[in-house]
Amino acid sequence: MVRRWGLGPVFAFEWFRATCRWQMYALRSLFVALLLIALGFVWRSEVASQRSPTMQTLANAGEYFFYALVGTQLALTL
């Protein structure tokens, strides 16, 4: 008797078909657009206002980038 691991061929086929629909492409594009908007907002509020940003300013911007990415992902997931 051969034991099969995984979810099976029907599930794999249906999963592939679902990901090829235009709605999934639109949702992925919307997700990426929301992430870019969040990062742009952080960049504009933290770094763009200064003529020559210091290392501390860039470190703070990196921290806020992390918060923006995680916050956006959690909000869209929940």
PDB file of N, CA and C in Angstrom:
ATOM      1  N   MET A   1       0.843  -1.173   0.000  1.00  0.00           N
ATOM      2  CA  MET A   1       0.000   0.000   0.000  1.00  0.00           C
ATOM      3  C   MET A   1       0.899   1.251   0.000  1.00  0.00           C
ATOM      4  N   VAL A   2       0.587   2.169  -0.906  1.00  0.00           N
ATOM      5  CA  VAL A   2       1.349   3.403  -1.021  1.00  0.00           C
ATOM      6  C   VAL A   2       0.617   4.511  -0.273  1.00  0.00           C
ATOM      7  N   ARG A   3       1.326   5.136   0.638  1.00  0.00           N
ATOM      8  CA  ARG A   3       0.716   6.244   1.383  1.00  0.00           C
ATOM      9  C   ARG A   3       1.113   7.546   0.708  1.00  0.00           C
ATOM     10  N   ARG A   4       0.166   8.389   0.518  1.00  0.00           N
ATOM     11  CA  ARG A   4       0.378   9.662  -0.140  1.00  0.00           C
ATOM     12  C   ARG A   4       0.482  10.777   0.893  1.00  0.00           C
ATOM     13  N   TRP A   5       1.477  11.634   0.751  1.00  0.00           N
ATOM     14  CA  TRP A   5       1.622  12.794   1.621  1.00  0.00           C
ATOM     15  C   TRP A   5       1.139  14.021   0.870  1.00  0.00           C
ATOM     16  N   GLY A   6       0.505  14.908   1.546  1.00  0.00           N
ATOM     17  CA  GLY A   6       0.038  16.132   0.913  1.00  0.00           C
ATOM     18  C   GLY A   6      -1.479  16.184   0.869  1.00  0.00           C
ATOM     19  N   LEU A   7      -1.968  17.186   0.170  1.00  0.00           N
ATOM     20  CA  LEU A   7      -3.408  17.418   0.136  1.00  0.00           C
ATOM     21  C   LEU A   7      -4.096  16.790  -1.062  1.00  0.00           C
ATOM     22  N   GLY A   8      -3.360  16.273  -1.980  1.00  0.00           N
ATOM     23  CA  GLY A   8      -3.967  15.573  -3.092  1.00  0.00           C
ATOM     24  C   GLY A   8      -3.976  16.370  -4.377  1.00  0.00           C
ATOM     25  N   PRO A   9      -4.185  15.691  -5.499  1.00  0.00           N
ATOM     26  CA  PRO A   9      -4.115  16.360  -6.796  1.00  0.00           C
ATOM     27  C   PRO A   9      -5.287  17.299  -7.068  1.00  0.00           C
ATOM     28  N   VAL A  10      -6.461  16.997  -6.536  1.00  0.00           N
ATOM     29  CA  VAL A  10      -7.613  17.870  -6.775  1.00  0.00           C
ATOM     30  C   VAL A  10      -7.412  19.208  -6.068  1.00  0.00           C
ATOM     31  N   PHE A  11      -6.935  19.165  -4.828  1.00  0.00           N
ATOM     32  CA  PHE A  11      -6.671  20.403  -4.109  1.00  0.00           C
ATOM     33  C   PHE A  11      -5.607  21.238  -4.817  1.00  0.00           C
ATOM     34  N   ALA A  12      -4.541  20.582  -5.261  1.00  0.00           N
ATOM     35  CA  ALA A  12      -3.475  21.305  -5.961  1.00  0.00           C
ATOM     36  C   ALA A  12      -3.992  21.949  -7.239  1.00  0.00           C
ATOM     37  N   PHE A  13      -4.829  21.252  -7.978  1.00  0.00           N
ATOM     38  CA  PHE A  13      -5.383  21.809  -9.215  1.00  0.00           C
ATOM     39  C   PHE A  13      -6.293  22.998  -8.927  1.00  0.00           C
ATOM     40  N   GLU A  14      -7.170  22.854  -7.929  1.00  0.00           N
ATOM     41  CA  GLU A  14      -8.083  23.952  -7.585  1.00  0.00           C
ATOM     42  C   GLU A  14      -7.314  25.154  -7.037  1.00  0.00           C
ATOM     43  N   TRP A  15      -6.276  24.924  -6.258  1.00  0.00           N
ATOM     44  CA  TRP A  15      -5.456  26.012  -5.741  1.00  0.00           C
ATOM     45  C   TRP A  15      -4.784  26.757  -6.890  1.00  0.00           C
ATOM     46  N   PHE A  16      -4.272  26.019  -7.866  1.00  0.00           N
ATOM     47  CA  PHE A  16      -3.638  26.639  -9.026  1.00  0.00           C
ATOM     48  C   PHE A  16      -4.648  27.454  -9.824  1.00  0.00           C
ATOM     49  N   ARG A  17      -5.844  26.919 -10.020  1.00  0.00           N
ATOM     50  CA  ARG A  17      -6.871  27.658 -10.767  1.00  0.00           C
ATOM     51  C   ARG A  17      -7.296  28.925 -10.045  1.00  0.00           C
ATOM     52  N   ALA A  18      -7.402  28.857  -8.726  1.00  0.00           N
ATOM     53  CA  ALA A  18      -7.829  30.029  -7.949  1.00  0.00           C
ATOM     54  C   ALA A  18      -6.793  31.141  -8.012  1.00  0.00           C
ATOM     55  N   THR A  19      -5.519  30.788  -8.035  1.00  0.00           N
ATOM     56  CA  THR A  19      -4.481  31.817  -8.054  1.00  0.00           C
ATOM     57  C   THR A  19      -4.319  32.460  -9.425  1.00  0.00           C
ATOM     58  N   CYS A  20      -4.851  31.853 -10.447  1.00  0.00           N
ATOM     59  CA  CYS A  20      -4.713  32.418 -11.790  1.00  0.00           C
ATOM     60  C   CYS A  20      -5.862  33.352 -12.164  1.00  0.00           C
ATOM     61  N   ARG A  21      -6.827  33.515 -11.314  1.00  0.00           N
ATOM     62  CA  ARG A  21      -7.947  34.403 -11.616  1.00  0.00           C
ATOM     63  C   ARG A  21      -7.525  35.853 -11.456  1.00  0.00           C
ATOM     64  N   TRP A  22      -8.200  36.735 -12.164  1.00  0.00           N
ATOM     65  CA  TRP A  22      -7.812  38.139 -12.150  1.00  0.00           C
ATOM     66  C   TRP A  22      -8.058  38.779 -10.793  1.00  0.00           C
ATOM     67  N   GLN A  23      -9.011  38.258 -10.021  1.00  0.00           N
ATOM     68  CA  GLN A  23      -9.278  38.817  -8.712  1.00  0.00           C
ATOM     69  C   GLN A  23      -8.078  38.652  -7.774  1.00  0.00           C
ATOM     70  N   MET A  24      -7.395  37.531  -7.884  1.00  0.00           N
ATOM     71  CA  MET A  24      -6.215  37.314  -7.045  1.00  0.00           C
ATOM     72  C   MET A  24      -5.092  38.266  -7.439  1.00  0.00           C
ATOM     73  N   TYR A  25      -4.925  38.501  -8.742  1.00  0.00           N
ATOM     74  CA  TYR A  25      -3.917  39.477  -9.177  1.00  0.00           C
ATOM     75  C   TYR A  25      -4.267  40.868  -8.662  1.00  0.00           C
ATOM     76  N   ALA A  26      -5.545  41.212  -8.676  1.00  0.00           N
ATOM     77  CA  ALA A  26      -5.974  42.521  -8.183  1.00  0.00           C
ATOM     78  C   ALA A  26      -5.733  42.638  -6.680  1.00  0.00           C
ATOM     79  N   LEU A  27      -6.012  41.592  -5.920  1.00  0.00           N
ATOM     80  CA  LEU A  27      -5.763  41.629  -4.477  1.00  0.00           C
ATOM     81  C   LEU A  27      -4.282  41.732  -4.165  1.00  0.00           C
ATOM     82  N   ARG A  28      -3.462  41.008  -4.898  1.00  0.00           N
ATOM     83  CA  ARG A  28      -2.015  41.105  -4.690  1.00  0.00           C
ATOM     84  C   ARG A  28      -1.509  42.498  -5.020  1.00  0.00           C
ATOM     85  N   SER A  29      -2.005  43.074  -6.099  1.00  0.00           N
ATOM     86  CA  SER A  29      -1.593  44.428  -6.475  1.00  0.00           C
ATOM     87  C   SER A  29      -2.038  45.445  -5.433  1.00  0.00           C
ATOM     88  N   LEU A  30      -3.235  45.280  -4.911  1.00  0.00           N
ATOM     89  CA  LEU A  30      -3.718  46.174  -3.859  1.00  0.00           C
ATOM     90  C   LEU A  30      -2.869  46.053  -2.603  1.00  0.00           C
ATOM     91  N   PHE A  31      -2.495  44.845  -2.251  1.00  0.00           N
ATOM     92  CA  PHE A  31      -1.650  44.620  -1.080  1.00  0.00           C
ATOM     93  C   PHE A  31      -0.298  45.303  -1.242  1.00  0.00           C
ATOM     94  N   VAL A  32       0.325  45.150  -2.390  1.00  0.00           N
ATOM     95  CA  VAL A  32       1.620  45.788  -2.638  1.00  0.00           C
ATOM     96  C   VAL A  32       1.471  47.305  -2.657  1.00  0.00           C
ATOM     97  N   ALA A  33       0.392  47.803  -3.221  1.00  0.00           N
ATOM     98  CA  ALA A  33       0.168  49.253  -3.252  1.00  0.00           C
ATOM     99  C   ALA A  33       0.000  49.799  -1.833  1.00  0.00           C
ATOM    100  N   LEU A  34      -0.726  49.092  -0.978  1.00  0.00           N
ATOM    101  CA  LEU A  34      -0.881  49.537   0.409  1.00  0.00           C
ATOM    102  C   LEU A  34       0.440  49.526   1.156  1.00  0.00           C
ATOM    103  N   LEU A  35       1.271  48.524   0.916  1.00  0.00           N
ATOM    104  CA  LEU A  35       2.587  48.495   1.543  1.00  0.00           C
ATOM    105  C   LEU A  35       3.450  49.661   1.070  1.00  0.00           C
ATOM    106  N   LEU A  36       3.425  49.955  -0.224  1.00  0.00           N
ATOM    107  CA  LEU A  36       4.222  51.073  -0.745  1.00  0.00           C
ATOM    108  C   LEU A  36       3.715  52.409  -0.218  1.00  0.00           C
ATOM    109  N   ILE A  37       2.421  52.554  -0.070  1.00  0.00           N
ATOM    110  CA  ILE A  37       1.868  53.794   0.491  1.00  0.00           C
ATOM    111  C   ILE A  37       2.314  53.957   1.938  1.00  0.00           C
ATOM    112  N   ALA A  38       2.275  52.873   2.706  1.00  0.00           N
ATOM    113  CA  ALA A  38       2.714  52.936   4.102  1.00  0.00           C
ATOM    114  C   ALA A  38       4.194  53.308   4.191  1.00  0.00           C
ATOM    115  N   LEU A  39       5.026  52.713   3.339  1.00  0.00           N
ATOM    116  CA  LEU A  39       6.457  53.028   3.354  1.00  0.00           C
ATOM    117  C   LEU A  39       6.708  54.453   2.883  1.00  0.00           C
ATOM    118  N   GLY A  40       5.964  54.910   1.895  1.00  0.00           N
ATOM    119  CA  GLY A  40       6.102  56.287   1.433  1.00  0.00           C
ATOM    120  C   GLY A  40       5.714  57.289   2.502  1.00  0.00           C
ATOM    121  N   PHE A  41       4.678  56.983   3.245  1.00  0.00           N
ATOM    122  CA  PHE A  41       4.257  57.856   4.335  1.00  0.00           C
ATOM    123  C   PHE A  41       5.339  57.953   5.404  1.00  0.00           C
ATOM    124  N   VAL A  42       5.935  56.818   5.758  1.00  0.00           N
ATOM    125  CA  VAL A  42       7.013  56.816   6.752  1.00  0.00           C
ATOM    126  C   VAL A  42       8.206  57.599   6.238  1.00  0.00           C
ATOM    127  N   TRP A  43       8.592  57.386   4.991  1.00  0.00           N
ATOM    128  CA  TRP A  43       9.746  58.086   4.427  1.00  0.00           C
ATOM    129  C   TRP A  43       9.513  59.593   4.415  1.00  0.00           C
ATOM    130  N   ARG A  44       8.325  59.987   4.022  1.00  0.00           N
ATOM    131  CA  ARG A  44       8.035  61.418   3.943  1.00  0.00           C
ATOM    132  C   ARG A  44       8.014  62.067   5.322  1.00  0.00           C
ATOM    133  N   SER A  45       7.469  61.369   6.309  1.00  0.00           N
ATOM    134  CA  SER A  45       7.364  61.973   7.637  1.00  0.00           C
ATOM    135  C   SER A  45       8.685  61.934   8.404  1.00  0.00           C
ATOM    136  N   GLU A  46       9.555  60.976   8.127  1.00  0.00           N
ATOM    137  CA  GLU A  46      10.775  60.830   8.903  1.00  0.00           C
ATOM    138  C   GLU A  46      12.019  61.388   8.216  1.00  0.00           C
ATOM    139  N   VAL A  47      12.214  61.105   6.944  1.00  0.00           N
ATOM    140  CA  VAL A  47      13.492  61.384   6.297  1.00  0.00           C
ATOM    141  C   VAL A  47      13.421  62.555   5.327  1.00  0.00           C
ATOM    142  N   ALA A  48      12.372  62.664   4.576  1.00  0.00           N
ATOM    143  CA  ALA A  48      12.323  63.662   3.508  1.00  0.00           C
ATOM    144  C   ALA A  48      12.305  65.089   4.039  1.00  0.00           C
ATOM    145  N   SER A  49      11.916  65.291   5.280  1.00  0.00           N
ATOM    146  CA  SER A  49      11.849  66.646   5.820  1.00  0.00           C
ATOM    147  C   SER A  49      13.231  67.189   6.172  1.00  0.00           C
ATOM    148  N   GLN A  50      14.241  66.339   6.260  1.00  0.00           N
ATOM    149  CA  GLN A  50      15.591  66.776   6.613  1.00  0.00           C
ATOM    150  C   GLN A  50      16.468  66.856   5.371  1.00  0.00           C
ATOM    151  N   ARG A  51      17.352  67.833   5.365  1.00  0.00           N
ATOM    152  CA  ARG A  51      18.247  68.007   4.219  1.00  0.00           C
ATOM    153  C   ARG A  51      19.304  66.906   4.180  1.00  0.00           C
ATOM    154  N   SER A  52      19.943  66.643   5.291  1.00  0.00           N
ATOM    155  CA  SER A  52      20.925  65.554   5.362  1.00  0.00           C
ATOM    156  C   SER A  52      20.625  64.718   6.598  1.00  0.00           C
ATOM    157  N   PRO A  53      19.934  63.600   6.421  1.00  0.00           N
ATOM    158  CA  PRO A  53      19.533  62.784   7.575  1.00  0.00           C
ATOM    159  C   PRO A  53      20.736  62.127   8.248  1.00  0.00           C
ATOM    160  N   THR A  54      20.684  62.028   9.550  1.00  0.00           N
ATOM    161  CA  THR A  54      21.739  61.374  10.323  1.00  0.00           C
ATOM    162  C   THR A  54      21.472  59.874  10.380  1.00  0.00           C
ATOM    163  N   MET A  55      22.462  59.167  10.926  1.00  0.00           N
ATOM    164  CA  MET A  55      22.299  57.715  11.075  1.00  0.00           C
ATOM    165  C   MET A  55      21.155  57.389  12.036  1.00  0.00           C
ATOM    166  N   GLN A  56      20.991  58.206  13.062  1.00  0.00           N
ATOM    167  CA  GLN A  56      19.906  57.978  14.015  1.00  0.00           C
ATOM    168  C   GLN A  56      18.540  58.161  13.344  1.00  0.00           C
ATOM    169  N   THR A  57      18.437  59.153  12.475  1.00  0.00           N
ATOM    170  CA  THR A  57      17.185  59.378  11.754  1.00  0.00           C
ATOM    171  C   THR A  57      16.873  58.207  10.831  1.00  0.00           C
ATOM    172  N   LEU A  58      17.900  57.715  10.142  1.00  0.00           N
ATOM    173  CA  LEU A  58      17.692  56.568   9.254  1.00  0.00           C
ATOM    174  C   LEU A  58      17.355  55.303  10.048  1.00  0.00           C
ATOM    175  N   ALA A  59      17.967  55.150  11.223  1.00  0.00           N
ATOM    176  CA  ALA A  59      17.635  54.000  12.071  1.00  0.00           C
ATOM    177  C   ALA A  59      16.188  54.089  12.543  1.00  0.00           C
ATOM    178  N   ASN A  60      15.756  55.284  12.915  1.00  0.00           N
ATOM    179  CA  ASN A  60      14.355  55.454  13.311  1.00  0.00           C
ATOM    180  C   ASN A  60      13.416  55.181  12.145  1.00  0.00           C
ATOM    181  N   ALA A  61      13.808  55.613  10.952  1.00  0.00           N
ATOM    182  CA  ALA A  61      12.989  55.347   9.764  1.00  0.00           C
ATOM    183  C   ALA A  61      12.898  53.847   9.502  1.00  0.00           C
ATOM    184  N   GLY A  62      14.005  53.127   9.685  1.00  0.00           N
ATOM    185  CA  GLY A  62      13.979  51.671   9.531  1.00  0.00           C
ATOM    186  C   GLY A  62      13.057  51.002  10.526  1.00  0.00           C
ATOM    187  N   GLU A  63      13.071  51.511  11.752  1.00  0.00           N
ATOM    188  CA  GLU A  63      12.160  50.973  12.769  1.00  0.00           C
ATOM    189  C   GLU A  63      10.709  51.235  12.388  1.00  0.00           C
ATOM    190  N   TYR A  64      10.418  52.423  11.898  1.00  0.00           N
ATOM    191  CA  TYR A  64       9.054  52.750  11.492  1.00  0.00           C
ATOM    192  C   TYR A  64       8.658  52.006  10.219  1.00  0.00           C
ATOM    193  N   PHE A  65       9.627  51.713   9.338  1.00  0.00           N
ATOM    194  CA  PHE A  65       9.344  50.857   8.180  1.00  0.00           C
ATOM    195  C   PHE A  65       8.851  49.497   8.660  1.00  0.00           C
ATOM    196  N   PHE A  66       9.543  48.945   9.649  1.00  0.00           N
ATOM    197  CA  PHE A  66       9.135  47.652  10.193  1.00  0.00           C
ATOM    198  C   PHE A  66       7.714  47.725  10.744  1.00  0.00           C
ATOM    199  N   TYR A  67       7.438  48.759  11.527  1.00  0.00           N
ATOM    200  CA  TYR A  67       6.101  48.905  12.106  1.00  0.00           C
ATOM    201  C   TYR A  67       5.040  49.079  11.014  1.00  0.00           C
ATOM    202  N   ALA A  68       5.376  49.826   9.963  1.00  0.00           N
ATOM    203  CA  ALA A  68       4.415  50.037   8.876  1.00  0.00           C
ATOM    204  C   ALA A  68       4.141  48.725   8.137  1.00  0.00           C
ATOM    205  N   LEU A  69       5.201  47.949   7.856  1.00  0.00           N
ATOM    206  CA  LEU A  69       5.014  46.675   7.157  1.00  0.00           C
ATOM    207  C   LEU A  69       4.198  45.697   7.992  1.00  0.00           C
ATOM    208  N   VAL A  70       4.586  45.529   9.236  1.00  0.00           N
ATOM    209  CA  VAL A  70       3.894  44.565  10.090  1.00  0.00           C
ATOM    210  C   VAL A  70       2.466  45.024  10.362  1.00  0.00           C
ATOM    211  N   GLY A  71       2.277  46.320  10.603  1.00  0.00           N
ATOM    212  CA  GLY A  71       0.937  46.828  10.857  1.00  0.00           C
ATOM    213  C   GLY A  71       0.013  46.663   9.663  1.00  0.00           C
ATOM    214  N   THR A  72       0.538  46.936   8.473  1.00  0.00           N
ATOM    215  CA  THR A  72      -0.274  46.773   7.266  1.00  0.00           C
ATOM    216  C   THR A  72      -0.613  45.302   7.030  1.00  0.00           C
ATOM    217  N   GLN A  73       0.369  44.425   7.210  1.00  0.00           N
ATOM    218  CA  GLN A  73       0.113  43.000   7.012  1.00  0.00           C
ATOM    219  C   GLN A  73      -0.888  42.463   8.031  1.00  0.00           C
ATOM    220  N   LEU A  74      -0.760  42.859   9.279  1.00  0.00           N
ATOM    221  CA  LEU A  74      -1.709  42.395  10.295  1.00  0.00           C
ATOM    222  C   LEU A  74      -3.114  42.936  10.038  1.00  0.00           C
ATOM    223  N   ALA A  75      -3.208  44.205   9.652  1.00  0.00           N
ATOM    224  CA  ALA A  75      -4.523  44.779   9.396  1.00  0.00           C
ATOM    225  C   ALA A  75      -5.214  44.090   8.233  1.00  0.00           C
ATOM    226  N   LEU A  76      -4.484  43.793   7.183  1.00  0.00           N
ATOM    227  CA  LEU A  76      -5.094  43.139   6.031  1.00  0.00           C
ATOM    228  C   LEU A  76      -5.382  41.664   6.303  1.00  0.00           C
ATOM    229  N   THR A  77      -4.560  41.042   7.120  1.00  0.00           N
ATOM    230  CA  THR A  77      -4.793  39.633   7.429  1.00  0.00           C
ATOM    231  C   THR A  77      -5.990  39.460   8.366  1.00  0.00           C
ATOM    232  N   LEU A  78      -6.052  40.311   9.375  1.00  0.00           N
ATOM    233  CA  LEU A  78      -7.154  40.194  10.332  1.00  0.00           C
ATOM    234  C   LEU A  78      -8.438  40.720   9.753  1.00  0.00           C
TER     235      LEU A  78
END
